[in-house]
Structures are given as structure tokens and as C-alpha cells.
Amino acid sequence: MDREQRRAYWRANKALIRNLLLVWAFVSLICGILLVEPLNNFQIGQVPLGFWIAQQGSIYVFVVLIFIYAIAMDKLDRKYDIHRRD
């Protein structure tokens, strides 16, 4: 892999991490803390949505983001022909 390909690989890797962190920050910080009062006007079953996001939803989103990262990195590794060293 030449220098330009390595740069493109790491640029794509950092962009992926940045985007996933932005989603995580939005859900956990914005929805779970700053927007909790307006979101509490909606219900999930008998639980206010803002409370549910702060207590459970952000954890579920974080786990989903882990799987998204793993799948996206696998695709990125294949695209740039990165092989795992055994």
C-alpha cells in the first residue's frame, strides 16, 4: 500500500469514527440530557421517552454503533486490502 492509499484509509477511518461519535453524542447528550423535558411529552409504554433514552436508549444506540463500526471497518479494510496479521 502506498502512502496516498494509507492516507485515504486513515482519513476514511477517522471520518467514520467522527460520524459515529457525533451520533452517540447527539443521542446521549442532546436527547438524554438537554432535550429530556420535551421528549418526556411522548411515551414508550408507560415510560416517558426522555427518561427512557437517558436510561436505556443511549445504551442501545451505543451497542448498535459498535456493530456498525465493526461492519464498516471490515468493508473499509477490504476496500483498501488491509489484512490482519496473525
PDB file of N, CA and C in Angstrom:
ATOM      1  N   MET A   1       0.850  -1.165   0.000  1.00  0.00           N
ATOM      2  CA  MET A   1       0.000   0.000   0.000  1.00  0.00           C
ATOM      3  C   MET A   1       0.902   1.236   0.000  1.00  0.00           C
ATOM      4  N   ASP A   2       0.644   2.127  -0.914  1.00  0.00           N
ATOM      5  CA  ASP A   2       1.481   3.322  -0.975  1.00  0.00           C
ATOM      6  C   ASP A   2       0.995   4.384   0.009  1.00  0.00           C
ATOM      7  N   ARG A   3       1.748   5.437   0.090  1.00  0.00           N
ATOM      8  CA  ARG A   3       1.483   6.494   1.082  1.00  0.00           C
ATOM      9  C   ARG A   3       0.111   7.139   0.891  1.00  0.00           C
ATOM     10  N   GLU A   4      -0.273   7.380  -0.333  1.00  0.00           N
ATOM     11  CA  GLU A   4      -1.562   8.032  -0.599  1.00  0.00           C
ATOM     12  C   GLU A   4      -2.729   7.129  -0.213  1.00  0.00           C
ATOM     13  N   GLN A   5      -2.603   5.837  -0.444  1.00  0.00           N
ATOM     14  CA  GLN A   5      -3.650   4.904  -0.033  1.00  0.00           C
ATOM     15  C   GLN A   5      -3.766   4.832   1.483  1.00  0.00           C
ATOM     16  N   ARG A   6      -2.633   4.857   2.172  1.00  0.00           N
ATOM     17  CA  ARG A   6      -2.669   4.850   3.639  1.00  0.00           C
ATOM     18  C   ARG A   6      -3.358   6.097   4.173  1.00  0.00           C
ATOM     19  N   ARG A   7      -3.055   7.219   3.562  1.00  0.00           N
ATOM     20  CA  ARG A   7      -3.707   8.473   3.978  1.00  0.00           C
ATOM     21  C   ARG A   7      -5.214   8.403   3.743  1.00  0.00           C
ATOM     22  N   ALA A   8      -5.613   7.890   2.600  1.00  0.00           N
ATOM     23  CA  ALA A   8      -7.041   7.775   2.301  1.00  0.00           C
ATOM     24  C   ALA A   8      -7.724   6.813   3.275  1.00  0.00           C
ATOM     25  N   TYR A   9      -7.046   5.725   3.611  1.00  0.00           N
ATOM     26  CA  TYR A   9      -7.593   4.754   4.558  1.00  0.00           C
ATOM     27  C   TYR A   9      -7.817   5.395   5.923  1.00  0.00           C
ATOM     28  N   TRP A  10      -6.805   6.099   6.431  1.00  0.00           N
ATOM     29  CA  TRP A  10      -6.941   6.707   7.751  1.00  0.00           C
ATOM     30  C   TRP A  10      -7.905   7.878   7.739  1.00  0.00           C
ATOM     31  N   ARG A  11      -7.995   8.579   6.639  1.00  0.00           N
ATOM     32  CA  ARG A  11      -8.970   9.661   6.514  1.00  0.00           C
ATOM     33  C   ARG A  11     -10.382   9.097   6.594  1.00  0.00           C
ATOM     34  N   ALA A  12     -10.618   7.992   5.897  1.00  0.00           N
ATOM     35  CA  ALA A  12     -11.933   7.345   5.947  1.00  0.00           C
ATOM     36  C   ALA A  12     -12.210   6.777   7.334  1.00  0.00           C
ATOM     37  N   ASN A  13     -11.202   6.212   7.973  1.00  0.00           N
ATOM     38  CA  ASN A  13     -11.346   5.672   9.317  1.00  0.00           C
ATOM     39  C   ASN A  13     -11.710   6.774  10.307  1.00  0.00           C
ATOM     40  N   LYS A  14     -11.006   7.885  10.245  1.00  0.00           N
ATOM     41  CA  LYS A  14     -11.295   8.992  11.154  1.00  0.00           C
ATOM     42  C   LYS A  14     -12.670   9.602  10.887  1.00  0.00           C
ATOM     43  N   ALA A  15     -13.068   9.673   9.632  1.00  0.00           N
ATOM     44  CA  ALA A  15     -14.394  10.197   9.310  1.00  0.00           C
ATOM     45  C   ALA A  15     -15.482   9.287   9.872  1.00  0.00           C
ATOM     46  N   LEU A  16     -15.289   7.986   9.761  1.00  0.00           N
ATOM     47  CA  LEU A  16     -16.249   7.035  10.318  1.00  0.00           C
ATOM     48  C   LEU A  16     -16.351   7.198  11.833  1.00  0.00           C
ATOM     49  N   ILE A  17     -15.221   7.253  12.499  1.00  0.00           N
ATOM     50  CA  ILE A  17     -15.219   7.417  13.955  1.00  0.00           C
ATOM     51  C   ILE A  17     -15.890   8.733  14.343  1.00  0.00           C
ATOM     52  N   ARG A  18     -15.559   9.811  13.639  1.00  0.00           N
ATOM     53  CA  ARG A  18     -16.163  11.112  13.929  1.00  0.00           C
ATOM     54  C   ARG A  18     -17.678  11.068  13.790  1.00  0.00           C
ATOM     55  N   ASN A  19     -18.151  10.475  12.717  1.00  0.00           N
ATOM     56  CA  ASN A  19     -19.593  10.437  12.479  1.00  0.00           C
ATOM     57  C   ASN A  19     -20.313   9.590  13.523  1.00  0.00           C
ATOM     58  N   LEU A  20     -19.727   8.463  13.888  1.00  0.00           N
ATOM     59  CA  LEU A  20     -20.358   7.625  14.904  1.00  0.00           C
ATOM     60  C   LEU A  20     -20.342   8.308  16.268  1.00  0.00           C
ATOM     61  N   LEU A  21     -19.271   9.016  16.582  1.00  0.00           N
ATOM     62  CA  LEU A  21     -19.225   9.756  17.845  1.00  0.00           C
ATOM     63  C   LEU A  21     -20.238  10.892  17.874  1.00  0.00           C
ATOM     64  N   LEU A  22     -20.463  11.515  16.736  1.00  0.00           N
ATOM     65  CA  LEU A  22     -21.487  12.563  16.670  1.00  0.00           C
ATOM     66  C   LEU A  22     -22.879  12.001  16.931  1.00  0.00           C
ATOM     67  N   VAL A  23     -23.164  10.833  16.369  1.00  0.00           N
ATOM     68  CA  VAL A  23     -24.457  10.187  16.628  1.00  0.00           C
ATOM     69  C   VAL A  23     -24.583   9.848  18.107  1.00  0.00           C
ATOM     70  N   TRP A  24     -23.521   9.246  18.671  1.00  0.00           N
ATOM     71  CA  TRP A  24     -23.539   8.881  20.081  1.00  0.00           C
ATOM     72  C   TRP A  24     -23.732  10.117  20.969  1.00  0.00           C
ATOM     73  N   ALA A  25     -23.012  11.210  20.665  1.00  0.00           N
ATOM     74  CA  ALA A  25     -23.123  12.431  21.454  1.00  0.00           C
ATOM     75  C   ALA A  25     -24.523  13.033  21.341  1.00  0.00           C
ATOM     76  N   PHE A  26     -25.085  13.008  20.142  1.00  0.00           N
ATOM     77  CA  PHE A  26     -26.430  13.549  19.964  1.00  0.00           C
ATOM     78  C   PHE A  26     -27.443  12.776  20.801  1.00  0.00           C
ATOM     79  N   VAL A  27     -27.380  11.459  20.733  1.00  0.00           N
ATOM     80  CA  VAL A  27     -28.354  10.644  21.458  1.00  0.00           C
ATOM     81  C   VAL A  27     -28.148  10.755  22.962  1.00  0.00           C
ATOM     82  N   SER A  28     -26.904  10.603  23.410  1.00  0.00           N
ATOM     83  CA  SER A  28     -26.683  10.562  24.856  1.00  0.00           C
ATOM     84  C   SER A  28     -26.702  11.945  25.495  1.00  0.00           C
ATOM     85  N   LEU A  29     -26.088  12.933  24.884  1.00  0.00           N
ATOM     86  CA  LEU A  29     -26.009  14.255  25.493  1.00  0.00           C
ATOM     87  C   LEU A  29     -27.196  15.150  25.147  1.00  0.00           C
ATOM     88  N   ILE A  30     -27.508  15.231  23.875  1.00  0.00           N
ATOM     89  CA  ILE A  30     -28.580  16.133  23.461  1.00  0.00           C
ATOM     90  C   ILE A  30     -29.944  15.557  23.838  1.00  0.00           C
ATOM     91  N   CYS A  31     -30.233  14.349  23.377  1.00  0.00           N
ATOM     92  CA  CYS A  31     -31.546  13.751  23.665  1.00  0.00           C
ATOM     93  C   CYS A  31     -31.672  13.311  25.121  1.00  0.00           C
ATOM     94  N   GLY A  32     -30.593  12.769  25.695  1.00  0.00           N
ATOM     95  CA  GLY A  32     -30.661  12.230  27.042  1.00  0.00           C
ATOM     96  C   GLY A  32     -30.579  13.272  28.134  1.00  0.00           C
ATOM     97  N   ILE A  33     -30.059  14.465  27.834  1.00  0.00           N
ATOM     98  CA  ILE A  33     -29.905  15.482  28.870  1.00  0.00           C
ATOM     99  C   ILE A  33     -30.617  16.780  28.489  1.00  0.00           C
ATOM    100  N   LEU A  34     -30.251  17.355  27.358  1.00  0.00           N
ATOM    101  CA  LEU A  34     -30.762  18.682  27.011  1.00  0.00           C
ATOM    102  C   LEU A  34     -32.213  18.679  26.538  1.00  0.00           C
ATOM    103  N   LEU A  35     -32.616  17.651  25.825  1.00  0.00           N
ATOM    104  CA  LEU A  35     -33.982  17.605  25.296  1.00  0.00           C
ATOM    105  C   LEU A  35     -34.888  16.661  26.085  1.00  0.00           C
ATOM    106  N   VAL A  36     -34.496  16.306  27.289  1.00  0.00           N
ATOM    107  CA  VAL A  36     -35.259  15.309  28.041  1.00  0.00           C
ATOM    108  C   VAL A  36     -36.674  15.810  28.355  1.00  0.00           C
ATOM    109  N   GLU A  37     -36.828  17.071  28.699  1.00  0.00           N
ATOM    110  CA  GLU A  37     -38.156  17.589  29.045  1.00  0.00           C
ATOM    111  C   GLU A  37     -39.127  17.553  27.859  1.00  0.00           C
ATOM    112  N   PRO A  38     -38.737  18.070  26.686  1.00  0.00           N
ATOM    113  CA  PRO A  38     -39.674  17.971  25.551  1.00  0.00           C
ATOM    114  C   PRO A  38     -39.953  16.522  25.139  1.00  0.00           C
ATOM    115  N   LEU A  39     -38.934  15.655  25.235  1.00  0.00           N
ATOM    116  CA  LEU A  39     -39.136  14.258  24.860  1.00  0.00           C
ATOM    117  C   LEU A  39     -40.021  13.518  25.847  1.00  0.00           C
ATOM    118  N   ASN A  40     -40.085  14.008  27.086  1.00  0.00           N
ATOM    119  CA  ASN A  40     -40.943  13.369  28.082  1.00  0.00           C
ATOM    120  C   ASN A  40     -42.429  13.538  27.782  1.00  0.00           C
ATOM    121  N   ASN A  41     -42.773  14.380  26.811  1.00  0.00           N
ATOM    122  CA  ASN A  41     -44.172  14.510  26.392  1.00  0.00           C
ATOM    123  C   ASN A  41     -44.650  13.288  25.621  1.00  0.00           C
ATOM    124  N   PHE A  42     -43.719  12.465  25.173  1.00  0.00           N
ATOM    125  CA  PHE A  42     -44.045  11.236  24.448  1.00  0.00           C
ATOM    126  C   PHE A  42     -43.791  10.055  25.368  1.00  0.00           C
ATOM    127  N   GLN A  43     -44.479   8.961  25.106  1.00  0.00           N
ATOM    128  CA  GLN A  43     -44.381   7.785  25.965  1.00  0.00           C
ATOM    129  C   GLN A  43     -43.923   6.566  25.167  1.00  0.00           C
ATOM    130  N   ILE A  44     -43.150   5.712  25.820  1.00  0.00           N
ATOM    131  CA  ILE A  44     -42.865   4.365  25.326  1.00  0.00           C
ATOM    132  C   ILE A  44     -43.502   3.446  26.358  1.00  0.00           C
ATOM    133  N   GLY A  45     -44.629   2.871  26.014  1.00  0.00           N
ATOM    134  CA  GLY A  45     -45.403   2.137  27.017  1.00  0.00           C
ATOM    135  C   GLY A  45     -45.906   3.138  28.035  1.00  0.00           C
ATOM    136  N   GLN A  46     -45.484   2.989  29.282  1.00  0.00           N
ATOM    137  CA  GLN A  46     -45.871   3.949  30.315  1.00  0.00           C
ATOM    138  C   GLN A  46     -44.680   4.749  30.823  1.00  0.00           C
ATOM    139  N   VAL A  47     -43.578   4.729  30.064  1.00  0.00           N
ATOM    140  CA  VAL A  47     -42.358   5.424  30.459  1.00  0.00           C
ATOM    141  C   VAL A  47     -42.160   6.638  29.554  1.00  0.00           C
ATOM    142  N   PRO A  48     -41.849   7.793  30.125  1.00  0.00           N
ATOM    143  CA  PRO A  48     -41.570   8.978  29.291  1.00  0.00           C
ATOM    144  C   PRO A  48     -40.348   8.743  28.389  1.00  0.00           C
ATOM    145  N   LEU A  49     -40.451   9.188  27.149  1.00  0.00           N
ATOM    146  CA  LEU A  49     -39.404   8.942  26.157  1.00  0.00           C
ATOM    147  C   LEU A  49     -38.056   9.521  26.577  1.00  0.00           C
ATOM    148  N   GLY A  50     -38.022  10.728  27.095  1.00  0.00           N
ATOM    149  CA  GLY A  50     -36.761  11.337  27.515  1.00  0.00           C
ATOM    150  C   GLY A  50     -36.069  10.522  28.592  1.00  0.00           C
ATOM    151  N   PHE A  51     -36.834  10.056  29.561  1.00  0.00           N
ATOM    152  CA  PHE A  51     -36.283   9.207  30.619  1.00  0.00           C
ATOM    153  C   PHE A  51     -35.769   7.899  30.038  1.00  0.00           C
ATOM    154  N   TRP A  52     -36.543   7.308  29.136  1.00  0.00           N
ATOM    155  CA  TRP A  52     -36.137   6.036  28.541  1.00  0.00           C
ATOM    156  C   TRP A  52     -34.845   6.183  27.746  1.00  0.00           C
ATOM    157  N   ILE A  53     -34.726   7.268  26.969  1.00  0.00           N
ATOM    158  CA  ILE A  53     -33.496   7.482  26.195  1.00  0.00           C
ATOM    159  C   ILE A  53     -32.311   7.655  27.134  1.00  0.00           C
ATOM    160  N   ALA A  54     -32.493   8.427  28.202  1.00  0.00           N
ATOM    161  CA  ALA A  54     -31.394   8.658  29.142  1.00  0.00           C
ATOM    162  C   ALA A  54     -30.980   7.372  29.852  1.00  0.00           C
ATOM    163  N   GLN A  55     -31.920   6.486  30.133  1.00  0.00           N
ATOM    164  CA  GLN A  55     -31.615   5.295  30.913  1.00  0.00           C
ATOM    165  C   GLN A  55     -31.309   4.070  30.056  1.00  0.00           C
ATOM    166  N   GLN A  56     -32.006   3.891  28.956  1.00  0.00           N
ATOM    167  CA  GLN A  56     -31.854   2.680  28.151  1.00  0.00           C
ATOM    168  C   GLN A  56     -31.482   2.956  26.699  1.00  0.00           C
ATOM    169  N   GLY A  57     -32.124   3.919  26.098  1.00  0.00           N
ATOM    170  CA  GLY A  57     -31.964   4.172  24.666  1.00  0.00           C
ATOM    171  C   GLY A  57     -30.546   4.484  24.255  1.00  0.00           C
ATOM    172  N   SER A  58     -29.848   5.303  25.040  1.00  0.00           N
ATOM    173  CA  SER A  58     -28.469   5.644  24.672  1.00  0.00           C
ATOM    174  C   SER A  58     -27.563   4.418  24.743  1.00  0.00           C
ATOM    175  N   ILE A  59     -27.841   3.492  25.653  1.00  0.00           N
ATOM    176  CA  ILE A  59     -27.047   2.260  25.728  1.00  0.00           C
ATOM    177  C   ILE A  59     -27.294   1.404  24.488  1.00  0.00           C
ATOM    178  N   TYR A  60     -28.550   1.274  24.085  1.00  0.00           N
ATOM    179  CA  TYR A  60     -28.869   0.506  22.879  1.00  0.00           C
ATOM    180  C   TYR A  60     -28.212   1.125  21.652  1.00  0.00           C
ATOM    181  N   VAL A  61     -28.265   2.445  21.546  1.00  0.00           N
ATOM    182  CA  VAL A  61     -27.634   3.123  20.412  1.00  0.00           C
ATOM    183  C   VAL A  61     -26.128   2.873  20.420  1.00  0.00           C
ATOM    184  N   PHE A  62     -25.493   2.924  21.580  1.00  0.00           N
ATOM    185  CA  PHE A  62     -24.062   2.685  21.682  1.00  0.00           C
ATOM    186  C   PHE A  62     -23.703   1.277  21.205  1.00  0.00           C
ATOM    187  N   VAL A  63     -24.481   0.279  21.597  1.00  0.00           N
ATOM    188  CA  VAL A  63     -24.213  -1.101  21.168  1.00  0.00           C
ATOM    189  C   VAL A  63     -24.393  -1.234  19.654  1.00  0.00           C
ATOM    190  N   VAL A  64     -25.425  -0.613  19.113  1.00  0.00           N
ATOM    191  CA  VAL A  64     -25.650  -0.646  17.663  1.00  0.00           C
ATOM    192  C   VAL A  64     -24.484   0.034  16.937  1.00  0.00           C
ATOM    193  N   LEU A  65     -23.991   1.148  17.486  1.00  0.00           N
ATOM    194  CA  LEU A  65     -22.867   1.839  16.867  1.00  0.00           C
ATOM    195  C   LEU A  65     -21.603   0.983  16.855  1.00  0.00           C
ATOM    196  N   ILE A  66     -21.418   0.155  17.869  1.00  0.00           N
ATOM    197  CA  ILE A  66     -20.275  -0.760  17.878  1.00  0.00           C
ATOM    198  C   ILE A  66     -20.360  -1.725  16.708  1.00  0.00           C
ATOM    199  N   PHE A  67     -21.536  -2.294  16.483  1.00  0.00           N
ATOM    200  CA  PHE A  67     -21.706  -3.217  15.359  1.00  0.00           C
ATOM    201  C   PHE A  67     -21.551  -2.496  14.022  1.00  0.00           C
ATOM    202  N   ILE A  68     -22.089  -1.297  13.918  1.00  0.00           N
ATOM    203  CA  ILE A  68     -21.937  -0.515  12.686  1.00  0.00           C
ATOM    204  C   ILE A  68     -20.461  -0.241  12.414  1.00  0.00           C
ATOM    205  N   TYR A  69     -19.717   0.113  13.459  1.00  0.00           N
ATOM    206  CA  TYR A  69     -18.281   0.369  13.291  1.00  0.00           C
ATOM    207  C   TYR A  69     -17.551  -0.887  12.826  1.00  0.00           C
ATOM    208  N   ALA A  70     -17.854  -2.015  13.429  1.00  0.00           N
ATOM    209  CA  ALA A  70     -17.180  -3.261  13.053  1.00  0.00           C
ATOM    210  C   ALA A  70     -17.460  -3.625  11.596  1.00  0.00           C
ATOM    211  N   ILE A  71     -18.700  -3.493  11.180  1.00  0.00           N
ATOM    212  CA  ILE A  71     -19.075  -3.823   9.799  1.00  0.00           C
ATOM    213  C   ILE A  71     -18.438  -2.831   8.821  1.00  0.00           C
ATOM    214  N   ALA A  72     -18.502  -1.544   9.154  1.00  0.00           N
ATOM    215  CA  ALA A  72     -17.936  -0.522   8.262  1.00  0.00           C
ATOM    216  C   ALA A  72     -16.417  -0.660   8.160  1.00  0.00           C
ATOM    217  N   MET A  73     -15.754  -0.980   9.263  1.00  0.00           N
ATOM    218  CA  MET A  73     -14.302  -1.147   9.209  1.00  0.00           C
ATOM    219  C   MET A  73     -13.917  -2.389   8.409  1.00  0.00           C
ATOM    220  N   ASP A  74     -14.720  -3.431   8.491  1.00  0.00           N
ATOM    221  CA  ASP A  74     -14.451  -4.617   7.683  1.00  0.00           C
ATOM    222  C   ASP A  74     -14.534  -4.270   6.198  1.00  0.00           C
ATOM    223  N   LYS A  75     -15.552  -3.493   5.835  1.00  0.00           N
ATOM    224  CA  LYS A  75     -15.682  -3.064   4.438  1.00  0.00           C
ATOM    225  C   LYS A  75     -14.518  -2.168   4.031  1.00  0.00           C
ATOM    226  N   LEU A  76     -14.118  -1.275   4.934  1.00  0.00           N
ATOM    227  CA  LEU A  76     -13.005  -0.379   4.643  1.00  0.00           C
ATOM    228  C   LEU A  76     -11.696  -1.156   4.495  1.00  0.00           C
ATOM    229  N   ASP A  77     -11.483  -2.124   5.365  1.00  0.00           N
ATOM    230  CA  ASP A  77     -10.284  -2.963   5.256  1.00  0.00           C
ATOM    231  C   ASP A  77     -10.253  -3.722   3.940  1.00  0.00           C
ATOM    232  N   ARG A  78     -11.392  -4.233   3.524  1.00  0.00           N
ATOM    233  CA  ARG A  78     -11.451  -4.957   2.243  1.00  0.00           C
ATOM    234  C   ARG A  78     -11.210  -4.004   1.066  1.00  0.00           C
ATOM    235  N   LYS A  79     -11.776  -2.807   1.164  1.00  0.00           N
ATOM    236  CA  LYS A  79     -11.607  -1.824   0.086  1.00  0.00           C
ATOM    237  C   LYS A  79     -10.132  -1.473  -0.112  1.00  0.00           C
ATOM    238  N   TYR A  80      -9.405  -1.287   0.992  1.00  0.00           N
ATOM    239  CA  TYR A  80      -8.001  -0.911   0.909  1.00  0.00           C
ATOM    240  C   TYR A  80      -7.061  -2.109   1.030  1.00  0.00           C
ATOM    241  N   ASP A  81      -7.628  -3.294   0.995  1.00  0.00           N
ATOM    242  CA  ASP A  81      -6.861  -4.545   1.014  1.00  0.00           C
ATOM    243  C   ASP A  81      -5.930  -4.616   2.228  1.00  0.00           C
ATOM    244  N   ILE A  82      -6.511  -4.357   3.395  1.00  0.00           N
ATOM    245  CA  ILE A  82      -5.770  -4.453   4.653  1.00  0.00           C
ATOM    246  C   ILE A  82      -6.011  -5.837   5.211  1.00  0.00           C
ATOM    247  N   HIS A  83      -4.934  -6.557   5.502  1.00  0.00           N
ATOM    248  CA  HIS A  83      -5.036  -7.901   6.033  1.00  0.00           C
ATOM    249  C   HIS A  83      -4.589  -7.900   7.487  1.00  0.00           C
ATOM    250  N   ARG A  84      -5.283  -8.663   8.273  1.00  0.00           N
ATOM    251  CA  ARG A  84      -4.927  -8.805   9.683  1.00  0.00           C
ATOM    252  C   ARG A  84      -3.683  -9.686   9.795  1.00  0.00           C
ATOM    253  N   ARG A  85      -2.765  -9.265  10.634  1.00  0.00           N
ATOM    254  CA  ARG A  85      -1.547 -10.057  10.840  1.00  0.00           C
ATOM    255  C   ARG A  85      -1.820 -11.097  11.912  1.00  0.00           C
ATOM    256  N   ASP A  86      -1.470 -12.336  11.628  1.00  0.00           N
ATOM    257  CA  ASP A  86      -1.683 -13.420  12.598  1.00  0.00           C
ATOM    258  C   ASP A  86      -0.448 -13.665  13.418  1.00  0.00           C
TER     259      ASP A  86
END
